[in-house]
């Protein structure tokens, strides 16, 4: 199991990582990867999805240790590991945090009691601050599909003791420090994100949407081509759906762009 090492030489370097230039992924590759969603995992966790980058750690989140057990805020400012949840359940209210982006690589976390998470002099995670200072800043570090949360000032990783106390005392991250940060906010990388609203739905819906968008009649009555729509299926596969839709509208003289 690979371990994280915190070595600052201008940037954070993980153990085993070679310091050399790497080929940048094309935007097309990044987009393809960003829409990979594990729906079974989301269903198992009651709609809470696993974050895979710091850009996704914002708003309503929960920190999961192990399987369906989350960090829980106590009313005395301390944290413990909550009871395991059944399949299909999300975290309890006291296990829900709010994440705020501080910089490109730092976040702050606020408990349901309105206090920011920090570390005391004994390396215990506490939530007692009303504002974000250096102690309340955290660095989520991703290595492959693993994540550990580093205190920006202590240089230690968050973990949980055998008594379920939440601490920040280890300089390296192994099994005890690996976490999952889950979010319930709406994703930005939904598969239909870049699809025009007129093209959401069946082909019949799509045709109606475009007729409604481009119709020229003032009475607002839709003139829908009654011919078989099998040509639309073929056109969609061949990449000329818009042209075919226009041809069908032109036969009905229902498009302001038809000659």
C-alpha atoms as a PDB file:
ATOM      1  CA  UNK A   1       0.000   0.000   0.000  1.00  0.00           C
ATOM      2  CA  UNK A   2       1.493   3.262  -1.062  1.00  0.00           C
ATOM      3  CA  UNK A   3       1.912   5.899   1.628  1.00  0.00           C
ATOM      4  CA  UNK A   4       1.807   9.642   1.323  1.00  0.00           C
ATOM      5  CA  UNK A   5       4.854  11.678   2.242  1.00  0.00           C
ATOM      6  CA  UNK A   6       4.732  15.447   2.699  1.00  0.00           C
ATOM      7  CA  UNK A   7       7.800  16.911   1.029  1.00  0.00           C
ATOM      8  CA  UNK A   8       7.674  20.555   0.024  1.00  0.00           C
ATOM      9  CA  UNK A   9      10.056  21.515  -2.769  1.00  0.00           C
ATOM     10  CA  UNK A  10       8.003  24.273  -4.270  1.00  0.00           C
ATOM     11  CA  UNK A  11       5.031  21.922  -4.459  1.00  0.00           C
ATOM     12  CA  UNK A  12       3.686  18.851  -2.714  1.00  0.00           C
ATOM     13  CA  UNK A  13       5.400  15.646  -3.834  1.00  0.00           C
ATOM     14  CA  UNK A  14       4.023  12.236  -2.946  1.00  0.00           C
ATOM     15  CA  UNK A  15       6.242   9.291  -2.054  1.00  0.00           C
ATOM     16  CA  UNK A  16       7.269   7.398  -5.163  1.00  0.00           C
ATOM     17  CA  UNK A  17       6.326  10.239  -7.479  1.00  0.00           C
ATOM     18  CA  UNK A  18       8.968  11.181 -10.031  1.00  0.00           C
ATOM     19  CA  UNK A  19       9.508  14.906 -10.428  1.00  0.00           C
ATOM     20  CA  UNK A  20       9.295  15.349 -14.151  1.00  0.00           C
ATOM     21  CA  UNK A  21       7.036  16.949 -16.656  1.00  0.00           C
ATOM     22  CA  UNK A  22       3.975  14.958 -17.581  1.00  0.00           C
ATOM     23  CA  UNK A  23       1.868  15.101 -20.706  1.00  0.00           C
ATOM     24  CA  UNK A  24      -1.247  17.156 -20.184  1.00  0.00           C
ATOM     25  CA  UNK A  25      -4.515  15.380 -20.812  1.00  0.00           C
ATOM     26  CA  UNK A  26      -6.593  16.797 -23.580  1.00  0.00           C
ATOM     27  CA  UNK A  27      -9.844  18.513 -22.642  1.00  0.00           C
ATOM     28  CA  UNK A  28     -11.661  15.689 -24.403  1.00  0.00           C
ATOM     29  CA  UNK A  29      -9.983  13.096 -22.170  1.00  0.00           C
ATOM     30  CA  UNK A  30     -10.691  15.113 -19.020  1.00  0.00           C
ATOM     31  CA  UNK A  31     -14.346  15.494 -19.964  1.00  0.00           C
ATOM     32  CA  UNK A  32     -14.680  11.773 -20.608  1.00  0.00           C
ATOM     33  CA  UNK A  33     -13.153  10.921 -17.245  1.00  0.00           C
ATOM     34  CA  UNK A  34     -15.148  13.535 -15.354  1.00  0.00           C
ATOM     35  CA  UNK A  35     -18.494  11.957 -16.249  1.00  0.00           C
ATOM     36  CA  UNK A  36     -17.564   8.488 -14.944  1.00  0.00           C
ATOM     37  CA  UNK A  37     -20.148   7.989 -12.209  1.00  0.00           C
ATOM     38  CA  UNK A  38     -20.565   4.914  -9.995  1.00  0.00           C
ATOM     39  CA  UNK A  39     -24.340   4.852  -9.668  1.00  0.00           C
ATOM     40  CA  UNK A  40     -24.328   1.727  -7.495  1.00  0.00           C
ATOM     41  CA  UNK A  41     -21.992   3.393  -5.013  1.00  0.00           C
ATOM     42  CA  UNK A  42     -24.174   6.519  -4.971  1.00  0.00           C
ATOM     43  CA  UNK A  43     -27.302   4.440  -4.371  1.00  0.00           C
ATOM     44  CA  UNK A  44     -25.567   2.515  -1.585  1.00  0.00           C
ATOM     45  CA  UNK A  45     -24.747   5.800   0.170  1.00  0.00           C
ATOM     46  CA  UNK A  46     -28.185   7.365  -0.116  1.00  0.00           C
ATOM     47  CA  UNK A  47     -27.344   9.682  -3.019  1.00  0.00           C
ATOM     48  CA  UNK A  48     -23.994  10.876  -1.630  1.00  0.00           C
ATOM     49  CA  UNK A  49     -21.276  10.582  -4.276  1.00  0.00           C
ATOM     50  CA  UNK A  50     -17.514  10.174  -3.926  1.00  0.00           C
ATOM     51  CA  UNK A  51     -15.425  13.244  -4.710  1.00  0.00           C
ATOM     52  CA  UNK A  52     -12.333  12.694  -6.849  1.00  0.00           C
ATOM     53  CA  UNK A  53     -10.715  16.126  -6.870  1.00  0.00           C
ATOM     54  CA  UNK A  54     -10.486  19.198  -4.661  1.00  0.00           C
ATOM     55  CA  UNK A  55     -12.693  21.100  -7.108  1.00  0.00           C
ATOM     56  CA  UNK A  56     -15.551  18.812  -6.108  1.00  0.00           C
ATOM     57  CA  UNK A  57     -15.068  19.379  -2.369  1.00  0.00           C
ATOM     58  CA  UNK A  58     -17.369  22.308  -1.741  1.00  0.00           C
ATOM     59  CA  UNK A  59     -20.692  22.828  -0.046  1.00  0.00           C
ATOM     60  CA  UNK A  60     -22.398  19.975   1.795  1.00  0.00           C
ATOM     61  CA  UNK A  61     -20.021  17.061   2.414  1.00  0.00           C
ATOM     62  CA  UNK A  62     -19.364  14.158   4.789  1.00  0.00           C
ATOM     63  CA  UNK A  63     -16.071  12.417   5.643  1.00  0.00           C
ATOM     64  CA  UNK A  64     -16.306   8.642   5.474  1.00  0.00           C
ATOM     65  CA  UNK A  65     -13.872   6.287   7.210  1.00  0.00           C
ATOM     66  CA  UNK A  66     -14.202   2.645   6.219  1.00  0.00           C
ATOM     67  CA  UNK A  67     -17.606   1.587   4.944  1.00  0.00           C
ATOM     68  CA  UNK A  68     -20.574   3.884   5.569  1.00  0.00           C
ATOM     69  CA  UNK A  69     -19.248   5.327   8.827  1.00  0.00           C
ATOM     70  CA  UNK A  70     -18.733   9.082   9.018  1.00  0.00           C
ATOM     71  CA  UNK A  71     -17.039  11.630  11.253  1.00  0.00           C
ATOM     72  CA  UNK A  72     -19.626  12.917  13.727  1.00  0.00           C
ATOM     73  CA  UNK A  73     -19.569  16.301  15.489  1.00  0.00           C
ATOM     74  CA  UNK A  74     -20.241  16.362  19.236  1.00  0.00           C
ATOM     75  CA  UNK A  75     -21.691  19.326  21.128  1.00  0.00           C
ATOM     76  CA  UNK A  76     -18.440  19.710  23.119  1.00  0.00           C
ATOM     77  CA  UNK A  77     -16.438  20.537  19.996  1.00  0.00           C
ATOM     78  CA  UNK A  78     -14.878  17.098  19.607  1.00  0.00           C
ATOM     79  CA  UNK A  79     -15.444  14.523  16.870  1.00  0.00           C
ATOM     80  CA  UNK A  80     -16.016  10.801  16.871  1.00  0.00           C
ATOM     81  CA  UNK A  81     -16.824   8.104  14.343  1.00  0.00           C
ATOM     82  CA  UNK A  82     -20.554   7.654  13.960  1.00  0.00           C
ATOM     83  CA  UNK A  83     -22.417   4.364  13.902  1.00  0.00           C
ATOM     84  CA  UNK A  84     -22.429   2.367  10.638  1.00  0.00           C
ATOM     85  CA  UNK A  85     -25.266   3.135   8.242  1.00  0.00           C
ATOM     86  CA  UNK A  86     -27.383   0.610   6.405  1.00  0.00           C
ATOM     87  CA  UNK A  87     -27.297   0.349   2.630  1.00  0.00           C
ATOM     88  CA  UNK A  88     -29.144   3.242   1.027  1.00  0.00           C
ATOM     89  CA  UNK A  89     -28.683   5.577   3.979  1.00  0.00           C
ATOM     90  CA  UNK A  90     -26.752   8.824   3.875  1.00  0.00           C
ATOM     91  CA  UNK A  91     -24.948  10.445   6.809  1.00  0.00           C
ATOM     92  CA  UNK A  92     -26.894  11.745   9.820  1.00  0.00           C
ATOM     93  CA  UNK A  93     -27.274  15.526  10.329  1.00  0.00           C
ATOM     94  CA  UNK A  94     -24.463  15.673  12.909  1.00  0.00           C
ATOM     95  CA  UNK A  95     -22.189  13.903  10.393  1.00  0.00           C
ATOM     96  CA  UNK A  96     -22.709  16.561   7.734  1.00  0.00           C
ATOM     97  CA  UNK A  97     -20.076  19.268   7.215  1.00  0.00           C
ATOM     98  CA  UNK A  98     -19.735  22.321   4.991  1.00  0.00           C
ATOM     99  CA  UNK A  99     -16.600  22.611   2.878  1.00  0.00           C
ATOM    100  CA  UNK A 100     -15.234  25.991   1.760  1.00  0.00           C
ATOM    101  CA  UNK A 101     -12.447  26.462  -0.771  1.00  0.00           C
ATOM    102  CA  UNK A 102      -9.613  28.615   0.627  1.00  0.00           C
ATOM    103  CA  UNK A 103      -7.231  28.275  -2.322  1.00  0.00           C
ATOM    104  CA  UNK A 104      -6.465  25.900  -5.173  1.00  0.00           C
ATOM    105  CA  UNK A 105      -5.298  23.233  -2.719  1.00  0.00           C
ATOM    106  CA  UNK A 106      -6.755  24.209   0.671  1.00  0.00           C
ATOM    107  CA  UNK A 107     -10.214  23.941   2.192  1.00  0.00           C
ATOM    108  CA  UNK A 108     -11.925  24.736   5.476  1.00  0.00           C
ATOM    109  CA  UNK A 109     -14.538  22.493   7.079  1.00  0.00           C
ATOM    110  CA  UNK A 110     -17.429  23.676   9.244  1.00  0.00           C
ATOM    111  CA  UNK A 111     -19.509  21.439  11.494  1.00  0.00           C
ATOM    112  CA  UNK A 112     -23.266  21.558  11.928  1.00  0.00           C
ATOM    113  CA  UNK A 113     -22.637  23.567  15.087  1.00  0.00           C
ATOM    114  CA  UNK A 114     -21.231  26.381  12.954  1.00  0.00           C
ATOM    115  CA  UNK A 115     -17.631  25.869  14.110  1.00  0.00           C
ATOM    116  CA  UNK A 116     -14.575  25.326  11.917  1.00  0.00           C
ATOM    117  CA  UNK A 117     -12.478  22.183  12.259  1.00  0.00           C
ATOM    118  CA  UNK A 118      -8.914  22.614  13.499  1.00  0.00           C
ATOM    119  CA  UNK A 119      -6.300  20.774  15.569  1.00  0.00           C
ATOM    120  CA  UNK A 120      -5.440  21.401  19.221  1.00  0.00           C
ATOM    121  CA  UNK A 121      -1.940  21.176  20.741  1.00  0.00           C
ATOM    122  CA  UNK A 122      -2.433  17.464  21.453  1.00  0.00           C
ATOM    123  CA  UNK A 123      -3.214  16.635  17.857  1.00  0.00           C
ATOM    124  CA  UNK A 124      -6.933  16.166  18.458  1.00  0.00           C
ATOM    125  CA  UNK A 125      -9.380  17.397  15.809  1.00  0.00           C
ATOM    126  CA  UNK A 126     -11.727  19.980  17.309  1.00  0.00           C
ATOM    127  CA  UNK A 127     -14.454  22.246  16.002  1.00  0.00           C
ATOM    128  CA  UNK A 128     -14.502  25.345  18.194  1.00  0.00           C
ATOM    129  CA  UNK A 129     -13.444  28.247  16.004  1.00  0.00           C
ATOM    130  CA  UNK A 130     -15.800  30.878  14.641  1.00  0.00           C
ATOM    131  CA  UNK A 131     -13.368  31.921  11.900  1.00  0.00           C
ATOM    132  CA  UNK A 132     -10.813  30.353   9.564  1.00  0.00           C
ATOM    133  CA  UNK A 133      -7.182  30.784  10.538  1.00  0.00           C
ATOM    134  CA  UNK A 134      -4.088  28.803   9.626  1.00  0.00           C
ATOM    135  CA  UNK A 135      -5.056  25.972  11.995  1.00  0.00           C
ATOM    136  CA  UNK A 136      -8.438  25.567  10.308  1.00  0.00           C
ATOM    137  CA  UNK A 137      -7.007  24.986   6.824  1.00  0.00           C
ATOM    138  CA  UNK A 138      -6.782  21.479   5.364  1.00  0.00           C
ATOM    139  CA  UNK A 139      -5.233  19.992   2.244  1.00  0.00           C
ATOM    140  CA  UNK A 140      -7.035  17.045   0.624  1.00  0.00           C
ATOM    141  CA  UNK A 141      -4.376  14.897  -1.043  1.00  0.00           C
ATOM    142  CA  UNK A 142      -5.440  12.480  -3.761  1.00  0.00           C
ATOM    143  CA  UNK A 143      -3.231   9.602  -4.903  1.00  0.00           C
ATOM    144  CA  UNK A 144      -5.016   7.458  -7.444  1.00  0.00           C
ATOM    145  CA  UNK A 145      -8.356   6.522  -5.911  1.00  0.00           C
ATOM    146  CA  UNK A 146      -7.143   7.190  -2.361  1.00  0.00           C
ATOM    147  CA  UNK A 147      -7.569  10.360  -0.333  1.00  0.00           C
ATOM    148  CA  UNK A 148      -6.078  11.626   2.925  1.00  0.00           C
ATOM    149  CA  UNK A 149      -6.647  14.983   4.630  1.00  0.00           C
ATOM    150  CA  UNK A 150      -3.569  16.891   5.762  1.00  0.00           C
ATOM    151  CA  UNK A 151      -3.451  19.652   8.366  1.00  0.00           C
ATOM    152  CA  UNK A 152      -1.833  22.640   6.690  1.00  0.00           C
ATOM    153  CA  UNK A 153      -0.051  23.730   9.891  1.00  0.00           C
ATOM    154  CA  UNK A 154       0.606  20.447  11.753  1.00  0.00           C
ATOM    155  CA  UNK A 155       1.729  18.482   8.705  1.00  0.00           C
ATOM    156  CA  UNK A 156      -0.237  15.465  10.003  1.00  0.00           C
ATOM    157  CA  UNK A 157      -3.100  13.480   8.546  1.00  0.00           C
ATOM    158  CA  UNK A 158      -6.576  12.972   9.992  1.00  0.00           C
ATOM    159  CA  UNK A 159      -7.279   9.484  11.314  1.00  0.00           C
ATOM    160  CA  UNK A 160      -9.497   7.679  13.818  1.00  0.00           C
ATOM    161  CA  UNK A 161      -8.293   5.844  16.941  1.00  0.00           C
ATOM    162  CA  UNK A 162      -9.489   2.436  18.145  1.00  0.00           C
ATOM    163  CA  UNK A 163     -11.795   4.362  20.505  1.00  0.00           C
ATOM    164  CA  UNK A 164     -13.282   6.203  17.494  1.00  0.00           C
ATOM    165  CA  UNK A 165     -11.712   9.546  18.453  1.00  0.00           C
ATOM    166  CA  UNK A 166     -10.767  11.759  15.494  1.00  0.00           C
ATOM    167  CA  UNK A 167      -7.132  12.845  15.662  1.00  0.00           C
ATOM    168  CA  UNK A 168      -4.447  14.404  13.470  1.00  0.00           C
ATOM    169  CA  UNK A 169      -1.109  12.925  14.544  1.00  0.00           C
ATOM    170  CA  UNK A 170       0.385  10.813  11.758  1.00  0.00           C
ATOM    171  CA  UNK A 171       3.052  12.180   9.403  1.00  0.00           C
ATOM    172  CA  UNK A 172       2.292   9.499   6.813  1.00  0.00           C
ATOM    173  CA  UNK A 173      -1.004   8.142   5.543  1.00  0.00           C
ATOM    174  CA  UNK A 174      -1.847   4.475   5.448  1.00  0.00           C
ATOM    175  CA  UNK A 175      -5.059   2.511   5.862  1.00  0.00           C
ATOM    176  CA  UNK A 176      -6.015   4.373   9.040  1.00  0.00           C
ATOM    177  CA  UNK A 177      -5.779   7.753   7.309  1.00  0.00           C
ATOM    178  CA  UNK A 178      -7.537   6.976   4.026  1.00  0.00           C
ATOM    179  CA  UNK A 179     -10.953   8.597   3.783  1.00  0.00           C
ATOM    180  CA  UNK A 180     -13.701   9.309   1.297  1.00  0.00           C
ATOM    181  CA  UNK A 181     -15.216  12.767   1.115  1.00  0.00           C
ATOM    182  CA  UNK A 182     -18.785  12.487  -0.114  1.00  0.00           C
ATOM    183  CA  UNK A 183     -20.981  15.243  -1.499  1.00  0.00           C
ATOM    184  CA  UNK A 184     -24.720  15.614  -1.958  1.00  0.00           C
ATOM    185  CA  UNK A 185     -24.661  18.759  -4.098  1.00  0.00           C
ATOM    186  CA  UNK A 186     -25.623  18.573  -7.762  1.00  0.00           C
ATOM    187  CA  UNK A 187     -22.743  17.578  -9.978  1.00  0.00           C
ATOM    188  CA  UNK A 188     -21.395  19.962 -12.615  1.00  0.00           C
ATOM    189  CA  UNK A 189     -20.350  17.103 -14.887  1.00  0.00           C
ATOM    190  CA  UNK A 190     -23.700  15.519 -15.592  1.00  0.00           C
ATOM    191  CA  UNK A 191     -23.721  13.504 -18.862  1.00  0.00           C
ATOM    192  CA  UNK A 192     -26.362  15.832 -20.360  1.00  0.00           C
ATOM    193  CA  UNK A 193     -24.561  19.009 -19.337  1.00  0.00           C
ATOM    194  CA  UNK A 194     -23.532  20.004 -22.883  1.00  0.00           C
ATOM    195  CA  UNK A 195     -26.687  18.779 -24.631  1.00  0.00           C
ATOM    196  CA  UNK A 196     -29.027  21.582 -25.767  1.00  0.00           C
ATOM    197  CA  UNK A 197     -32.279  21.577 -23.806  1.00  0.00           C
ATOM    198  CA  UNK A 198     -34.172  21.084 -27.099  1.00  0.00           C
ATOM    199  CA  UNK A 199     -32.464  17.702 -27.563  1.00  0.00           C
ATOM    200  CA  UNK A 200     -33.337  16.202 -24.180  1.00  0.00           C
ATOM    201  CA  UNK A 201     -35.956  13.476 -24.446  1.00  0.00           C
ATOM    202  CA  UNK A 202     -37.199  11.201 -27.214  1.00  0.00           C
ATOM    203  CA  UNK A 203     -36.872  12.070 -30.891  1.00  0.00           C
ATOM    204  CA  UNK A 204     -40.563  12.966 -30.889  1.00  0.00           C
ATOM    205  CA  UNK A 205     -39.887  15.400 -28.038  1.00  0.00           C
ATOM    206  CA  UNK A 206     -36.860  16.792 -29.861  1.00  0.00           C
ATOM    207  CA  UNK A 207     -38.881  17.470 -33.004  1.00  0.00           C
ATOM    208  CA  UNK A 208     -41.614  19.220 -31.032  1.00  0.00           C
ATOM    209  CA  UNK A 209     -39.013  21.285 -29.177  1.00  0.00           C
ATOM    210  CA  UNK A 210     -37.427  22.538 -32.406  1.00  0.00           C
ATOM    211  CA  UNK A 211     -40.768  23.242 -34.054  1.00  0.00           C
ATOM    212  CA  UNK A 212     -41.756  25.280 -31.009  1.00  0.00           C
ATOM    213  CA  UNK A 213     -38.419  27.105 -31.074  1.00  0.00           C
ATOM    214  CA  UNK A 214     -38.457  28.056 -34.764  1.00  0.00           C
ATOM    215  CA  UNK A 215     -42.164  28.209 -35.650  1.00  0.00           C
ATOM    216  CA  UNK A 216     -43.246  31.304 -37.535  1.00  0.00           C
ATOM    217  CA  UNK A 217     -46.993  31.202 -36.928  1.00  0.00           C
ATOM    218  CA  UNK A 218     -48.401  33.847 -34.630  1.00  0.00           C
ATOM    219  CA  UNK A 219     -51.222  31.582 -33.483  1.00  0.00           C
ATOM    220  CA  UNK A 220     -48.562  29.401 -31.782  1.00  0.00           C
ATOM    221  CA  UNK A 221     -50.200  26.214 -33.084  1.00  0.00           C
ATOM    222  CA  UNK A 222     -47.629  23.524 -33.743  1.00  0.00           C
ATOM    223  CA  UNK A 223     -47.314  22.101 -37.262  1.00  0.00           C
ATOM    224  CA  UNK A 224     -45.725  18.677 -36.705  1.00  0.00           C
ATOM    225  CA  UNK A 225     -44.750  16.488 -39.653  1.00  0.00           C
ATOM    226  CA  UNK A 226     -46.767  13.271 -39.464  1.00  0.00           C
ATOM    227  CA  UNK A 227     -44.367  11.205 -41.582  1.00  0.00           C
ATOM    228  CA  UNK A 228     -42.630   8.202 -40.057  1.00  0.00           C
ATOM    229  CA  UNK A 229     -39.792   9.174 -37.696  1.00  0.00           C
ATOM    230  CA  UNK A 230     -37.507   6.305 -38.650  1.00  0.00           C
ATOM    231  CA  UNK A 231     -35.553   8.789 -40.782  1.00  0.00           C
ATOM    232  CA  UNK A 232     -34.759  10.718 -37.631  1.00  0.00           C
ATOM    233  CA  UNK A 233     -33.189   7.657 -36.011  1.00  0.00           C
ATOM    234  CA  UNK A 234     -30.960   7.195 -39.054  1.00  0.00           C
ATOM    235  CA  UNK A 235     -30.113  10.899 -39.196  1.00  0.00           C
ATOM    236  CA  UNK A 236     -29.121  10.920 -35.527  1.00  0.00           C
ATOM    237  CA  UNK A 237     -26.729   8.022 -36.085  1.00  0.00           C
ATOM    238  CA  UNK A 238     -25.246   9.670 -39.175  1.00  0.00           C
ATOM    239  CA  UNK A 239     -24.828  13.055 -37.497  1.00  0.00           C
ATOM    240  CA  UNK A 240     -27.252  15.095 -39.607  1.00  0.00           C
ATOM    241  CA  UNK A 241     -30.255  15.226 -37.289  1.00  0.00           C
ATOM    242  CA  UNK A 242     -30.610  19.013 -37.468  1.00  0.00           C
ATOM    243  CA  UNK A 243     -30.745  19.018 -41.267  1.00  0.00           C
ATOM    244  CA  UNK A 244     -33.363  16.281 -41.295  1.00  0.00           C
ATOM    245  CA  UNK A 245     -35.467  18.080 -38.720  1.00  0.00           C
ATOM    246  CA  UNK A 246     -35.295  21.248 -40.835  1.00  0.00           C
ATOM    247  CA  UNK A 247     -36.395  19.326 -43.938  1.00  0.00           C
ATOM    248  CA  UNK A 248     -39.384  17.955 -42.050  1.00  0.00           C
ATOM    249  CA  UNK A 249     -40.340  21.415 -40.803  1.00  0.00           C
ATOM    250  CA  UNK A 250     -39.939  22.915 -44.272  1.00  0.00           C
ATOM    251  CA  UNK A 251     -42.557  20.510 -45.622  1.00  0.00           C
ATOM    252  CA  UNK A 252     -44.973  21.949 -43.071  1.00  0.00           C
ATOM    253  CA  UNK A 253     -43.823  25.519 -43.801  1.00  0.00           C
ATOM    254  CA  UNK A 254     -43.436  25.748 -40.049  1.00  0.00           C
ATOM    255  CA  UNK A 255     -39.962  27.241 -39.754  1.00  0.00           C
ATOM    256  CA  UNK A 256     -39.047  30.886 -40.092  1.00  0.00           C
ATOM    257  CA  UNK A 257     -35.744  29.874 -41.701  1.00  0.00           C
ATOM    258  CA  UNK A 258     -37.406  27.776 -44.430  1.00  0.00           C
ATOM    259  CA  UNK A 259     -37.428  29.275 -47.903  1.00  0.00           C
END
